[in-house]
């Protein structure tokens, strides 16, 4: 891996440090989205305890992925601590590109 890329990734990790309160709000929202999708008949993976983790998409792991038939929904939850960081912007770009390439895939970013 290139040195510049490693430095950028480390910067993103530092930027992502959420307060305990924000992390708790984030996880509660992720859990709510996962439950809603499950009730709608989706197979759900979520990046919180109690769920299988979603696969990475272009190097980023979304908070929630729901799949039902050929339909795929990608969700990313941001908090005041993480919104508009370099990581947030890069994730949005990656997830939007994937959704744009498939008529059966949608991406939704939620800021709480």
N, C-alpha and C. Protein backbone atom coordinates (compact mmCIF):
# COMPACT_ATOMS: atom_id res chain seq x y z
N UNK A 1 0.85 -1.17 0.00
CA UNK A 1 0.00 0.00 0.00
C UNK A 1 0.89 1.24 0.00
N UNK A 2 0.48 2.25 -0.77
CA UNK A 2 1.27 3.46 -0.84
C UNK A 2 1.26 4.19 0.49
N UNK A 3 2.39 4.82 0.80
CA UNK A 3 2.53 5.54 2.06
C UNK A 3 1.48 6.64 2.20
N UNK A 4 1.20 7.38 1.14
CA UNK A 4 0.22 8.47 1.19
C UNK A 4 -1.18 7.95 1.52
N UNK A 5 -1.53 6.79 0.95
CA UNK A 5 -2.83 6.20 1.23
C UNK A 5 -2.93 5.78 2.68
N UNK A 6 -1.88 5.20 3.21
CA UNK A 6 -1.87 4.80 4.62
C UNK A 6 -2.04 6.01 5.52
N UNK A 7 -1.36 7.10 5.21
CA UNK A 7 -1.49 8.32 6.00
C UNK A 7 -2.92 8.84 5.94
N UNK A 8 -3.53 8.85 4.74
CA UNK A 8 -4.91 9.30 4.61
C UNK A 8 -5.86 8.44 5.43
N UNK A 9 -5.68 7.13 5.39
CA UNK A 9 -6.53 6.22 6.16
C UNK A 9 -6.38 6.45 7.66
N UNK A 10 -5.16 6.69 8.11
CA UNK A 10 -4.94 6.96 9.53
C UNK A 10 -5.60 8.27 9.94
N UNK A 11 -5.53 9.28 9.10
CA UNK A 11 -6.20 10.56 9.38
C UNK A 11 -7.71 10.35 9.50
N UNK A 12 -8.26 9.55 8.60
CA UNK A 12 -9.70 9.28 8.63
C UNK A 12 -10.09 8.59 9.93
N UNK A 13 -9.28 7.66 10.40
CA UNK A 13 -9.59 6.96 11.64
C UNK A 13 -9.58 7.92 12.83
N UNK A 14 -8.64 8.85 12.85
CA UNK A 14 -8.58 9.84 13.93
C UNK A 14 -9.82 10.72 13.88
N UNK A 15 -10.22 11.13 12.66
CA UNK A 15 -11.40 11.97 12.50
C UNK A 15 -12.67 11.26 12.96
N UNK A 16 -12.70 9.95 12.86
CA UNK A 16 -13.91 9.19 13.14
C UNK A 16 -14.19 8.99 14.63
N UNK A 17 -13.32 9.42 15.49
CA UNK A 17 -13.54 9.21 16.92
C UNK A 17 -14.82 9.93 17.34
N UNK A 18 -15.84 9.14 17.70
CA UNK A 18 -17.10 9.70 18.16
C UNK A 18 -17.11 9.75 19.67
N UNK A 19 -17.85 10.68 20.21
CA UNK A 19 -18.05 10.69 21.65
C UNK A 19 -18.89 9.47 22.01
N UNK A 20 -18.87 9.09 23.26
CA UNK A 20 -19.66 7.93 23.71
C UNK A 20 -21.14 8.15 23.43
N UNK A 21 -21.61 9.36 23.68
CA UNK A 21 -23.02 9.69 23.46
C UNK A 21 -23.38 9.58 21.97
N UNK A 22 -22.54 10.12 21.12
CA UNK A 22 -22.79 10.05 19.67
C UNK A 22 -22.75 8.61 19.18
N UNK A 23 -21.82 7.83 19.69
CA UNK A 23 -21.73 6.42 19.28
C UNK A 23 -22.98 5.66 19.69
N UNK A 24 -23.48 5.97 20.87
CA UNK A 24 -24.69 5.32 21.35
C UNK A 24 -25.89 5.68 20.47
N UNK A 25 -26.02 6.97 20.10
CA UNK A 25 -27.09 7.40 19.21
C UNK A 25 -26.95 6.75 17.84
N UNK A 26 -25.71 6.69 17.35
CA UNK A 26 -25.42 6.06 16.06
C UNK A 26 -25.88 4.61 16.07
N UNK A 27 -25.45 3.86 17.07
CA UNK A 27 -25.78 2.43 17.13
C UNK A 27 -27.28 2.20 17.27
N UNK A 28 -27.97 3.06 18.02
CA UNK A 28 -29.42 2.93 18.16
C UNK A 28 -30.12 3.15 16.81
N UNK A 29 -29.65 4.12 16.05
CA UNK A 29 -30.24 4.38 14.73
C UNK A 29 -29.95 3.23 13.76
N UNK A 30 -28.73 2.71 13.79
CA UNK A 30 -28.38 1.56 12.95
C UNK A 30 -29.28 0.38 13.30
N UNK A 31 -29.47 0.14 14.59
CA UNK A 31 -30.32 -0.97 15.04
C UNK A 31 -31.76 -0.77 14.57
N UNK A 32 -32.27 0.46 14.65
CA UNK A 32 -33.64 0.75 14.21
C UNK A 32 -33.81 0.50 12.72
N UNK A 33 -32.85 0.93 11.93
CA UNK A 33 -32.90 0.69 10.48
C UNK A 33 -32.87 -0.80 10.18
N UNK A 34 -31.99 -1.52 10.86
CA UNK A 34 -31.88 -2.97 10.65
C UNK A 34 -33.19 -3.67 10.98
N UNK A 35 -33.80 -3.30 12.09
CA UNK A 35 -35.07 -3.91 12.49
C UNK A 35 -36.18 -3.61 11.48
N UNK A 36 -36.23 -2.36 11.01
CA UNK A 36 -37.25 -1.97 10.04
C UNK A 36 -37.12 -2.78 8.75
N UNK A 37 -35.89 -2.90 8.26
CA UNK A 37 -35.67 -3.68 7.04
C UNK A 37 -36.03 -5.15 7.25
N UNK A 38 -35.68 -5.68 8.40
CA UNK A 38 -35.99 -7.09 8.69
C UNK A 38 -37.51 -7.31 8.68
N UNK A 39 -38.26 -6.36 9.26
CA UNK A 39 -39.72 -6.46 9.27
C UNK A 39 -40.29 -6.39 7.84
N UNK A 40 -39.57 -5.72 6.95
CA UNK A 40 -40.00 -5.61 5.56
C UNK A 40 -39.57 -6.80 4.72
N UNK A 41 -38.94 -7.79 5.37
CA UNK A 41 -38.56 -9.01 4.67
C UNK A 41 -37.17 -9.04 4.07
N UNK A 42 -36.34 -8.07 4.43
CA UNK A 42 -34.97 -8.03 3.93
C UNK A 42 -34.06 -8.92 4.78
N UNK A 43 -33.07 -9.52 4.14
CA UNK A 43 -31.96 -10.13 4.85
C UNK A 43 -31.05 -8.96 5.22
N UNK A 44 -30.70 -8.86 6.49
CA UNK A 44 -30.01 -7.67 6.98
C UNK A 44 -28.65 -8.00 7.57
N UNK A 45 -27.68 -7.18 7.21
CA UNK A 45 -26.37 -7.18 7.85
C UNK A 45 -26.14 -5.76 8.36
N UNK A 46 -25.59 -5.67 9.57
CA UNK A 46 -25.37 -4.35 10.17
C UNK A 46 -24.05 -4.34 10.93
N UNK A 47 -23.43 -3.19 10.95
CA UNK A 47 -22.12 -3.06 11.57
C UNK A 47 -22.25 -2.68 13.06
N UNK A 48 -23.00 -3.53 13.77
CA UNK A 48 -23.17 -3.41 15.22
C UNK A 48 -23.24 -4.81 15.81
N UNK A 49 -22.98 -4.94 17.11
CA UNK A 49 -23.06 -6.25 17.74
C UNK A 49 -24.45 -6.88 17.57
N UNK A 50 -24.47 -8.19 17.36
CA UNK A 50 -25.72 -8.91 17.20
C UNK A 50 -26.09 -9.18 15.75
N UNK A 51 -25.35 -8.61 14.83
CA UNK A 51 -25.60 -8.80 13.41
C UNK A 51 -24.32 -9.23 12.71
N UNK A 52 -24.47 -9.93 11.60
CA UNK A 52 -23.32 -10.18 10.74
C UNK A 52 -22.93 -8.86 10.10
N UNK A 53 -21.63 -8.63 9.96
CA UNK A 53 -21.14 -7.40 9.35
C UNK A 53 -21.39 -7.39 7.84
N UNK A 54 -21.77 -6.23 7.30
CA UNK A 54 -21.87 -6.12 5.84
C UNK A 54 -20.48 -6.25 5.21
N UNK A 55 -20.45 -6.71 4.00
CA UNK A 55 -19.18 -6.73 3.26
C UNK A 55 -18.77 -5.30 2.97
N UNK A 56 -17.49 -5.09 2.77
CA UNK A 56 -17.02 -3.76 2.40
C UNK A 56 -17.41 -3.46 0.96
N UNK A 57 -17.60 -2.19 0.70
CA UNK A 57 -17.92 -1.71 -0.64
C UNK A 57 -16.88 -0.66 -0.98
N UNK A 58 -16.05 -0.99 -1.96
CA UNK A 58 -14.97 -0.08 -2.38
C UNK A 58 -14.13 0.39 -1.19
N UNK A 59 -13.88 -0.55 -0.28
CA UNK A 59 -13.00 -0.27 0.86
C UNK A 59 -13.70 0.28 2.09
N UNK A 60 -15.01 0.47 2.03
CA UNK A 60 -15.75 1.01 3.16
C UNK A 60 -16.85 0.04 3.58
N UNK A 61 -17.08 -0.08 4.88
CA UNK A 61 -18.13 -0.96 5.39
C UNK A 61 -19.36 -0.10 5.74
N UNK A 62 -20.46 -0.29 5.02
CA UNK A 62 -21.67 0.47 5.35
C UNK A 62 -22.24 0.04 6.70
N UNK A 63 -23.05 0.91 7.30
CA UNK A 63 -23.66 0.58 8.58
C UNK A 63 -24.70 -0.52 8.45
N UNK A 64 -25.51 -0.46 7.39
CA UNK A 64 -26.56 -1.46 7.19
C UNK A 64 -26.68 -1.76 5.70
N UNK A 65 -26.85 -3.05 5.40
CA UNK A 65 -27.19 -3.48 4.04
C UNK A 65 -28.36 -4.44 4.16
N UNK A 66 -29.41 -4.16 3.40
CA UNK A 66 -30.57 -5.04 3.35
C UNK A 66 -30.73 -5.58 1.93
N UNK A 67 -30.97 -6.89 1.83
CA UNK A 67 -31.14 -7.52 0.52
C UNK A 67 -32.44 -8.32 0.53
N UNK A 68 -33.25 -8.09 -0.50
CA UNK A 68 -34.49 -8.85 -0.70
C UNK A 68 -34.62 -9.09 -2.19
N UNK A 69 -34.45 -10.35 -2.56
CA UNK A 69 -34.46 -10.66 -3.99
C UNK A 69 -33.29 -9.98 -4.66
N UNK A 70 -33.57 -9.20 -5.69
CA UNK A 70 -32.51 -8.48 -6.41
C UNK A 70 -32.31 -7.07 -5.87
N UNK A 71 -33.15 -6.69 -4.90
CA UNK A 71 -33.09 -5.34 -4.34
C UNK A 71 -32.06 -5.26 -3.22
N UNK A 72 -31.24 -4.21 -3.24
CA UNK A 72 -30.24 -3.99 -2.19
C UNK A 72 -30.33 -2.55 -1.72
N UNK A 73 -30.39 -2.38 -0.39
CA UNK A 73 -30.42 -1.06 0.22
C UNK A 73 -29.18 -0.89 1.09
N UNK A 74 -28.49 0.22 0.88
CA UNK A 74 -27.27 0.54 1.64
C UNK A 74 -27.57 1.77 2.48
N UNK A 75 -27.27 1.69 3.78
CA UNK A 75 -27.48 2.82 4.69
C UNK A 75 -26.18 3.16 5.39
N UNK A 76 -25.95 4.45 5.54
CA UNK A 76 -24.82 4.96 6.31
C UNK A 76 -25.35 6.02 7.26
N UNK A 77 -25.05 5.87 8.55
CA UNK A 77 -25.50 6.79 9.57
C UNK A 77 -24.32 7.63 10.03
N UNK A 78 -24.52 8.94 10.04
CA UNK A 78 -23.49 9.86 10.53
C UNK A 78 -24.02 10.65 11.71
N UNK A 79 -23.11 11.04 12.58
CA UNK A 79 -23.45 11.86 13.73
C UNK A 79 -22.75 13.21 13.59
N UNK A 80 -23.04 14.10 14.50
CA UNK A 80 -22.39 15.42 14.46
C UNK A 80 -20.88 15.29 14.52
N UNK A 81 -20.39 14.21 15.12
CA UNK A 81 -18.94 13.98 15.24
C UNK A 81 -18.31 13.48 13.94
N UNK A 82 -19.12 12.86 13.09
CA UNK A 82 -18.54 12.22 11.90
C UNK A 82 -18.99 12.84 10.58
N UNK A 83 -20.01 13.68 10.63
CA UNK A 83 -20.54 14.24 9.39
C UNK A 83 -19.52 15.18 8.73
N UNK A 84 -19.44 15.08 7.42
CA UNK A 84 -18.58 15.93 6.59
C UNK A 84 -17.08 15.76 6.83
N UNK A 85 -16.68 14.65 7.45
CA UNK A 85 -15.26 14.34 7.55
C UNK A 85 -14.81 13.77 6.20
N UNK A 86 -13.52 13.64 6.03
CA UNK A 86 -12.99 13.05 4.79
C UNK A 86 -13.55 11.65 4.61
N UNK A 87 -13.62 10.88 5.67
CA UNK A 87 -14.14 9.51 5.58
C UNK A 87 -15.61 9.52 5.14
N UNK A 88 -16.40 10.40 5.73
CA UNK A 88 -17.81 10.51 5.37
C UNK A 88 -17.95 10.82 3.88
N UNK A 89 -17.20 11.79 3.42
CA UNK A 89 -17.28 12.17 2.01
C UNK A 89 -16.84 11.04 1.08
N UNK A 90 -15.78 10.34 1.46
CA UNK A 90 -15.30 9.22 0.64
C UNK A 90 -16.28 8.06 0.63
N UNK A 91 -16.90 7.79 1.79
CA UNK A 91 -17.91 6.73 1.85
C UNK A 91 -19.10 7.08 0.97
N UNK A 92 -19.58 8.30 1.11
CA UNK A 92 -20.72 8.74 0.30
C UNK A 92 -20.44 8.54 -1.18
N UNK A 93 -19.28 8.96 -1.60
CA UNK A 93 -18.90 8.84 -3.01
C UNK A 93 -18.92 7.38 -3.45
N UNK A 94 -18.30 6.51 -2.66
CA UNK A 94 -18.23 5.09 -3.00
C UNK A 94 -19.61 4.45 -3.05
N UNK A 95 -20.44 4.72 -2.04
CA UNK A 95 -21.76 4.10 -1.98
C UNK A 95 -22.69 4.65 -3.07
N UNK A 96 -22.59 5.95 -3.35
CA UNK A 96 -23.40 6.54 -4.43
C UNK A 96 -23.02 5.96 -5.78
N UNK A 97 -21.72 5.77 -6.00
CA UNK A 97 -21.28 5.20 -7.28
C UNK A 97 -21.82 3.79 -7.46
N UNK A 98 -21.76 2.99 -6.41
CA UNK A 98 -22.26 1.61 -6.50
C UNK A 98 -23.77 1.62 -6.76
N UNK A 99 -24.49 2.49 -6.07
CA UNK A 99 -25.94 2.57 -6.27
C UNK A 99 -26.28 3.04 -7.69
N UNK A 100 -25.49 3.96 -8.22
CA UNK A 100 -25.74 4.48 -9.57
C UNK A 100 -25.50 3.42 -10.65
N UNK A 101 -24.67 2.45 -10.34
CA UNK A 101 -24.33 1.42 -11.32
C UNK A 101 -25.35 0.29 -11.36
N UNK A 102 -26.28 0.26 -10.41
CA UNK A 102 -27.26 -0.81 -10.37
C UNK A 102 -28.65 -0.23 -10.09
N UNK A 103 -29.58 -0.50 -10.99
CA UNK A 103 -30.93 0.03 -10.79
C UNK A 103 -31.62 -0.61 -9.58
N UNK A 104 -31.08 -1.71 -9.08
CA UNK A 104 -31.67 -2.41 -7.95
C UNK A 104 -31.04 -2.04 -6.61
N UNK A 105 -30.10 -1.10 -6.62
CA UNK A 105 -29.39 -0.71 -5.40
C UNK A 105 -29.68 0.75 -5.08
N UNK A 106 -30.01 1.00 -3.82
CA UNK A 106 -30.21 2.37 -3.36
C UNK A 106 -29.27 2.65 -2.20
N UNK A 107 -28.92 3.92 -2.06
CA UNK A 107 -28.06 4.35 -0.94
C UNK A 107 -28.74 5.49 -0.22
N UNK A 108 -28.76 5.40 1.10
CA UNK A 108 -29.34 6.47 1.91
C UNK A 108 -28.37 6.81 3.04
N UNK A 109 -28.06 8.09 3.16
CA UNK A 109 -27.22 8.60 4.25
C UNK A 109 -28.13 9.31 5.22
N UNK A 110 -27.99 8.97 6.50
CA UNK A 110 -28.83 9.55 7.54
C UNK A 110 -27.92 10.27 8.53
N UNK A 111 -28.22 11.54 8.78
CA UNK A 111 -27.47 12.32 9.75
C UNK A 111 -28.35 12.53 10.97
N UNK A 112 -27.83 12.12 12.12
CA UNK A 112 -28.60 12.26 13.37
C UNK A 112 -27.91 13.21 14.32
